[in-house]
């Protein structure tokens, strides 16, 4: 499964961005999906995740209430709506897919995109 992220950019604190992740050649079903990020000098962290059947979503404490993970009806595009962005949200954001539980750590994810840079200025 090839994953391709888009939508990153440079914004000011308080702005919004929507990241997209498209699957090449197939739908995500029945893969569960996640968004991860990695800032310079920091470990990769899971930001949000969603089960393949859309029944459950999970968010890191740092983004809960500001970020929303979703998928389109065709199950071919994953989104991360990011509102009220903060400078500490600056990172490369990756989408990833897993045949297992989306609550698993990043090492358990099977497929990864190449990442998209999000920079939030103060």
N, C-alpha and C. Protein backbone atom coordinates (compact mmCIF):
# COMPACT_ATOMS: atom_id res chain seq x y z
N UNK A 1 0.84 -1.18 0.00
CA UNK A 1 0.00 0.00 0.00
C UNK A 1 0.89 1.24 0.00
N UNK A 2 0.72 2.07 -0.99
CA UNK A 2 1.47 3.32 -1.05
C UNK A 2 0.62 4.44 -0.48
N UNK A 3 1.20 5.21 0.43
CA UNK A 3 0.49 6.31 1.07
C UNK A 3 1.17 7.61 0.71
N UNK A 4 0.38 8.62 0.39
CA UNK A 4 0.93 9.90 -0.02
C UNK A 4 0.23 11.02 0.74
N UNK A 5 1.00 11.72 1.59
CA UNK A 5 0.44 12.83 2.35
C UNK A 5 0.54 14.14 1.57
N UNK A 6 -0.35 15.04 1.89
CA UNK A 6 -0.31 16.39 1.34
C UNK A 6 -1.01 17.33 2.31
N UNK A 7 -0.83 18.62 2.09
CA UNK A 7 -1.54 19.61 2.87
C UNK A 7 -0.72 20.34 3.90
N UNK A 8 0.54 19.97 4.06
CA UNK A 8 1.37 20.67 5.03
C UNK A 8 1.71 22.07 4.54
N UNK A 9 2.32 22.84 5.42
CA UNK A 9 2.71 24.19 5.05
C UNK A 9 3.13 25.00 6.24
N UNK A 10 3.32 26.29 5.98
CA UNK A 10 3.71 27.25 7.02
C UNK A 10 2.49 28.10 7.38
N UNK A 11 2.12 28.08 8.64
CA UNK A 11 0.97 28.85 9.11
C UNK A 11 1.34 29.57 10.40
N UNK A 12 0.45 30.46 10.81
CA UNK A 12 0.66 31.15 12.07
C UNK A 12 -0.11 30.46 13.19
N UNK A 13 0.33 30.69 14.39
CA UNK A 13 -0.36 30.13 15.55
C UNK A 13 -1.83 30.54 15.53
N UNK A 14 -2.70 29.57 15.80
CA UNK A 14 -4.12 29.82 15.78
C UNK A 14 -4.79 29.47 14.47
N UNK A 15 -4.01 29.27 13.43
CA UNK A 15 -4.55 28.91 12.12
C UNK A 15 -4.94 27.43 12.08
N UNK A 16 -5.53 27.05 10.96
CA UNK A 16 -5.93 25.66 10.74
C UNK A 16 -5.27 25.12 9.47
N UNK A 17 -5.11 23.81 9.44
CA UNK A 17 -4.62 23.09 8.27
C UNK A 17 -5.35 21.77 8.20
N UNK A 18 -5.52 21.26 6.99
CA UNK A 18 -6.04 19.91 6.84
C UNK A 18 -5.05 19.09 6.03
N UNK A 19 -4.56 18.04 6.65
CA UNK A 19 -3.68 17.10 5.98
C UNK A 19 -4.50 16.00 5.33
N UNK A 20 -4.02 15.53 4.20
CA UNK A 20 -4.66 14.42 3.51
C UNK A 20 -3.65 13.31 3.28
N UNK A 21 -4.16 12.10 3.23
CA UNK A 21 -3.32 10.94 2.95
C UNK A 21 -4.11 10.05 2.01
N UNK A 22 -3.58 9.88 0.81
CA UNK A 22 -4.27 9.08 -0.18
C UNK A 22 -3.59 7.73 -0.32
N UNK A 23 -4.41 6.71 -0.48
CA UNK A 23 -3.90 5.37 -0.72
C UNK A 23 -3.85 5.13 -2.22
N UNK A 24 -2.73 4.61 -2.67
CA UNK A 24 -2.55 4.39 -4.10
C UNK A 24 -3.07 3.01 -4.48
N UNK A 25 -4.07 2.99 -5.33
CA UNK A 25 -4.48 1.73 -5.92
C UNK A 25 -5.47 0.89 -5.13
N UNK A 26 -5.86 1.35 -3.96
CA UNK A 26 -6.80 0.55 -3.19
C UNK A 26 -7.45 1.41 -2.11
N UNK A 27 -8.47 0.87 -1.50
CA UNK A 27 -9.04 1.57 -0.35
C UNK A 27 -8.27 1.17 0.91
N UNK A 28 -8.53 1.90 1.98
CA UNK A 28 -7.88 1.58 3.24
C UNK A 28 -8.48 0.34 3.89
N UNK A 29 -9.74 0.07 3.58
CA UNK A 29 -10.42 -1.04 4.22
C UNK A 29 -9.72 -2.36 3.96
N UNK A 30 -9.43 -3.20 4.98
CA UNK A 30 -9.76 -3.05 6.40
C UNK A 30 -8.58 -2.58 7.25
N UNK A 31 -7.75 -1.75 6.70
CA UNK A 31 -6.63 -1.23 7.48
C UNK A 31 -7.09 -0.13 8.43
N UNK A 32 -6.56 -0.16 9.63
CA UNK A 32 -6.73 0.97 10.54
C UNK A 32 -5.61 1.97 10.26
N UNK A 33 -5.86 3.22 10.56
CA UNK A 33 -4.96 4.28 10.13
C UNK A 33 -4.54 5.17 11.29
N UNK A 34 -3.39 5.78 11.13
CA UNK A 34 -2.93 6.72 12.15
C UNK A 34 -2.15 7.86 11.55
N UNK A 35 -2.13 8.96 12.28
CA UNK A 35 -1.26 10.08 11.97
C UNK A 35 -0.19 10.17 13.06
N UNK A 36 1.04 10.31 12.62
CA UNK A 36 2.17 10.45 13.53
C UNK A 36 2.88 11.75 13.19
N UNK A 37 3.71 12.21 14.11
CA UNK A 37 4.54 13.37 13.82
C UNK A 37 5.89 13.21 14.49
N UNK A 38 6.87 13.88 13.90
CA UNK A 38 8.20 13.88 14.49
C UNK A 38 8.80 15.26 14.32
N UNK A 39 9.11 15.86 15.45
CA UNK A 39 9.76 17.16 15.46
C UNK A 39 11.27 16.96 15.56
N UNK A 40 12.06 17.93 15.11
CA UNK A 40 13.52 17.79 15.18
C UNK A 40 13.99 17.50 16.60
N UNK A 41 14.80 16.48 16.72
CA UNK A 41 15.36 16.13 18.02
C UNK A 41 14.42 15.42 18.95
N UNK A 42 13.22 15.09 18.47
CA UNK A 42 12.25 14.41 19.31
C UNK A 42 11.87 13.07 18.71
N UNK A 43 11.31 12.22 19.56
CA UNK A 43 10.86 10.93 19.09
C UNK A 43 9.54 11.08 18.33
N UNK A 44 9.30 10.14 17.45
CA UNK A 44 8.02 10.11 16.73
C UNK A 44 6.90 9.84 17.73
N UNK A 45 5.80 10.53 17.57
CA UNK A 45 4.66 10.31 18.44
C UNK A 45 3.39 10.14 17.61
N UNK A 46 2.49 9.33 18.14
CA UNK A 46 1.21 9.15 17.49
C UNK A 46 0.31 10.32 17.86
N UNK A 47 -0.30 10.91 16.86
CA UNK A 47 -1.15 12.06 17.07
C UNK A 47 -2.62 11.65 17.14
N UNK A 48 -3.01 10.80 16.21
CA UNK A 48 -4.41 10.37 16.14
C UNK A 48 -4.48 9.04 15.39
N UNK A 49 -5.54 8.30 15.65
CA UNK A 49 -5.72 7.02 14.97
C UNK A 49 -7.20 6.73 14.84
N UNK A 50 -7.53 5.88 13.87
CA UNK A 50 -8.93 5.54 13.62
C UNK A 50 -9.00 4.09 13.20
N UNK A 51 -10.01 3.38 13.73
CA UNK A 51 -10.17 1.99 13.36
C UNK A 51 -10.70 1.88 11.92
N UNK A 52 -10.50 0.71 11.33
CA UNK A 52 -10.85 0.53 9.92
C UNK A 52 -12.34 0.75 9.69
N UNK A 53 -13.18 0.43 10.71
CA UNK A 53 -14.63 0.55 10.54
C UNK A 53 -15.15 1.90 11.03
N UNK A 54 -14.26 2.81 11.35
CA UNK A 54 -14.58 4.18 11.79
C UNK A 54 -15.26 4.25 13.14
N UNK A 55 -15.32 3.13 13.86
CA UNK A 55 -16.06 3.14 15.12
C UNK A 55 -15.32 3.83 16.24
N UNK A 56 -14.01 3.83 16.16
CA UNK A 56 -13.23 4.40 17.26
C UNK A 56 -12.13 5.31 16.74
N UNK A 57 -11.94 6.40 17.45
CA UNK A 57 -10.83 7.30 17.17
C UNK A 57 -10.03 7.51 18.45
N UNK A 58 -8.79 7.82 18.29
CA UNK A 58 -7.88 8.01 19.42
C UNK A 58 -7.04 9.25 19.16
N UNK A 59 -6.79 10.00 20.23
CA UNK A 59 -6.01 11.23 20.09
C UNK A 59 -4.98 11.34 21.20
N UNK A 60 -3.84 11.89 20.85
CA UNK A 60 -2.86 12.23 21.87
C UNK A 60 -3.41 13.37 22.70
N UNK A 61 -3.01 13.39 23.95
CA UNK A 61 -3.52 14.40 24.87
C UNK A 61 -3.22 15.82 24.36
N UNK A 62 -2.08 15.97 23.72
CA UNK A 62 -1.65 17.31 23.27
C UNK A 62 -2.52 17.88 22.17
N UNK A 63 -3.27 17.02 21.47
CA UNK A 63 -4.05 17.52 20.33
C UNK A 63 -5.54 17.32 20.51
N UNK A 64 -5.95 16.64 21.54
CA UNK A 64 -7.37 16.32 21.72
C UNK A 64 -8.16 17.61 21.84
N UNK A 65 -9.24 17.67 21.08
CA UNK A 65 -10.06 18.87 21.06
C UNK A 65 -9.67 19.86 19.99
N UNK A 66 -8.49 19.68 19.41
CA UNK A 66 -8.03 20.57 18.35
C UNK A 66 -7.92 19.86 17.01
N UNK A 67 -7.56 18.57 17.03
CA UNK A 67 -7.36 17.80 15.81
C UNK A 67 -8.50 16.80 15.65
N UNK A 68 -8.84 16.51 14.40
CA UNK A 68 -9.85 15.51 14.11
C UNK A 68 -9.37 14.61 12.98
N UNK A 69 -9.42 13.31 13.20
CA UNK A 69 -9.05 12.34 12.18
C UNK A 69 -10.33 11.81 11.54
N UNK A 70 -10.29 11.64 10.22
CA UNK A 70 -11.47 11.14 9.52
C UNK A 70 -11.04 10.50 8.20
N UNK A 71 -11.99 9.83 7.58
CA UNK A 71 -11.76 9.25 6.26
C UNK A 71 -12.92 9.60 5.36
N UNK A 72 -12.69 9.59 4.06
CA UNK A 72 -13.79 9.87 3.13
C UNK A 72 -14.65 8.62 2.97
N UNK A 73 -15.80 8.80 2.37
CA UNK A 73 -16.75 7.68 2.25
C UNK A 73 -16.21 6.54 1.40
N UNK A 74 -15.37 6.86 0.46
CA UNK A 74 -14.81 5.82 -0.39
C UNK A 74 -13.67 5.08 0.29
N UNK A 75 -13.29 5.56 1.46
CA UNK A 75 -12.24 4.90 2.24
C UNK A 75 -10.90 4.90 1.51
N UNK A 76 -10.65 5.97 0.77
CA UNK A 76 -9.38 6.05 0.05
C UNK A 76 -8.54 7.24 0.47
N UNK A 77 -9.11 8.10 1.28
CA UNK A 77 -8.37 9.28 1.73
C UNK A 77 -8.56 9.47 3.22
N UNK A 78 -7.46 9.64 3.90
CA UNK A 78 -7.46 9.90 5.34
C UNK A 78 -7.17 11.38 5.55
N UNK A 79 -7.84 11.97 6.53
CA UNK A 79 -7.65 13.39 6.82
C UNK A 79 -7.23 13.62 8.26
N UNK A 80 -6.55 14.73 8.45
CA UNK A 80 -6.29 15.23 9.79
C UNK A 80 -6.58 16.72 9.76
N UNK A 81 -7.70 17.09 10.35
CA UNK A 81 -8.06 18.50 10.47
C UNK A 81 -7.40 19.04 11.72
N UNK A 82 -6.58 20.04 11.56
CA UNK A 82 -5.82 20.60 12.67
C UNK A 82 -6.25 22.05 12.88
N UNK A 83 -6.85 22.32 14.01
CA UNK A 83 -7.32 23.66 14.36
C UNK A 83 -6.51 24.23 15.51
N UNK A 84 -6.57 25.54 15.64
CA UNK A 84 -5.88 26.24 16.74
C UNK A 84 -4.45 25.73 16.87
N UNK A 85 -3.74 25.76 15.77
CA UNK A 85 -2.37 25.25 15.75
C UNK A 85 -1.46 26.06 16.65
N UNK A 86 -0.49 25.36 17.21
CA UNK A 86 0.48 25.96 18.12
C UNK A 86 1.89 25.73 17.58
N UNK A 87 2.83 26.57 17.96
CA UNK A 87 4.22 26.34 17.50
C UNK A 87 4.73 24.94 17.84
N UNK A 88 4.29 24.38 18.95
CA UNK A 88 4.76 23.04 19.33
C UNK A 88 4.16 21.94 18.46
N UNK A 89 3.25 22.29 17.57
CA UNK A 89 2.74 21.32 16.60
C UNK A 89 3.66 21.19 15.39
N UNK A 90 4.66 22.02 15.32
CA UNK A 90 5.60 21.97 14.21
C UNK A 90 6.30 20.63 14.17
N UNK A 91 6.23 19.95 13.02
CA UNK A 91 6.80 18.62 12.87
C UNK A 91 6.57 18.15 11.44
N UNK A 92 7.20 17.04 11.11
CA UNK A 92 6.84 16.30 9.90
C UNK A 92 5.74 15.33 10.30
N UNK A 93 4.65 15.37 9.56
CA UNK A 93 3.50 14.52 9.85
C UNK A 93 3.44 13.37 8.85
N UNK A 94 3.22 12.18 9.39
CA UNK A 94 3.16 10.97 8.59
C UNK A 94 1.82 10.27 8.78
N UNK A 95 1.28 9.73 7.71
CA UNK A 95 0.16 8.81 7.86
C UNK A 95 0.71 7.40 7.77
N UNK A 96 0.02 6.50 8.41
CA UNK A 96 0.46 5.11 8.46
C UNK A 96 -0.76 4.20 8.56
N UNK A 97 -0.56 2.97 8.13
CA UNK A 97 -1.65 2.00 8.13
C UNK A 97 -1.20 0.71 8.79
N UNK A 98 -2.15 0.06 9.45
CA UNK A 98 -1.85 -1.18 10.14
C UNK A 98 -2.96 -2.19 9.94
N UNK A 99 -2.57 -3.48 9.83
CA UNK A 99 -3.54 -4.56 9.78
C UNK A 99 -4.04 -4.87 11.20
N UNK A 100 -3.36 -4.35 12.19
CA UNK A 100 -3.73 -4.62 13.56
C UNK A 100 -4.51 -3.49 14.19
N UNK A 101 -4.36 -3.36 15.49
CA UNK A 101 -5.08 -2.31 16.21
C UNK A 101 -4.42 -0.96 16.03
N UNK A 102 -5.19 0.09 15.83
CA UNK A 102 -4.59 1.42 15.69
C UNK A 102 -3.98 1.94 16.98
N UNK A 103 -4.28 1.28 18.10
CA UNK A 103 -3.69 1.70 19.37
C UNK A 103 -2.27 1.19 19.55
N UNK A 104 -1.83 0.32 18.66
CA UNK A 104 -0.46 -0.19 18.74
C UNK A 104 0.54 0.94 18.49
N UNK A 105 1.76 0.80 18.97
CA UNK A 105 2.78 1.83 18.71
C UNK A 105 3.18 1.85 17.24
N UNK A 106 3.92 2.86 16.88
CA UNK A 106 4.28 3.05 15.48
C UNK A 106 5.01 1.88 14.87
N UNK A 107 5.79 1.18 15.70
CA UNK A 107 6.56 0.05 15.15
C UNK A 107 5.64 -1.04 14.59
N UNK A 108 4.40 -1.06 15.05
CA UNK A 108 3.47 -2.10 14.62
C UNK A 108 2.75 -1.73 13.32
N UNK A 109 2.92 -0.48 12.88
CA UNK A 109 2.26 -0.08 11.65
C UNK A 109 3.04 -0.63 10.45
N UNK A 110 2.26 -1.00 9.42
CA UNK A 110 2.84 -1.75 8.31
C UNK A 110 3.24 -0.87 7.13
N UNK A 111 2.55 0.23 6.94
CA UNK A 111 2.79 1.08 5.77
C UNK A 111 2.88 2.53 6.22
N UNK A 112 3.79 3.27 5.55
CA UNK A 112 4.03 4.66 5.92
C UNK A 112 4.10 5.53 4.68
N UNK A 113 3.64 6.76 4.85
CA UNK A 113 3.84 7.75 3.81
C UNK A 113 5.19 8.42 3.97
N UNK A 114 5.48 9.35 3.09
CA UNK A 114 6.79 10.00 3.09
C UNK A 114 6.84 11.22 4.00
N UNK A 115 5.69 11.67 4.46
CA UNK A 115 5.65 12.78 5.40
C UNK A 115 5.39 14.11 4.73
N UNK A 116 4.79 15.01 5.50
CA UNK A 116 4.55 16.39 5.03
C UNK A 116 4.88 17.34 6.19
N UNK A 117 5.58 18.41 5.87
CA UNK A 117 6.05 19.33 6.90
C UNK A 117 4.96 20.31 7.29
N UNK A 118 4.78 20.45 8.58
CA UNK A 118 3.89 21.47 9.13
C UNK A 118 4.73 22.38 10.02
N UNK A 119 4.71 23.65 9.72
CA UNK A 119 5.45 24.62 10.52
C UNK A 119 4.50 25.70 11.00
N UNK A 120 4.48 25.90 12.31
CA UNK A 120 3.59 26.88 12.92
C UNK A 120 4.44 27.97 13.56
N UNK A 121 4.29 29.17 13.06
CA UNK A 121 5.07 30.28 13.60
C UNK A 121 4.28 30.98 14.71
N UNK A 122 5.02 31.54 15.65
CA UNK A 122 4.37 32.21 16.79
C UNK A 122 4.07 33.66 16.48
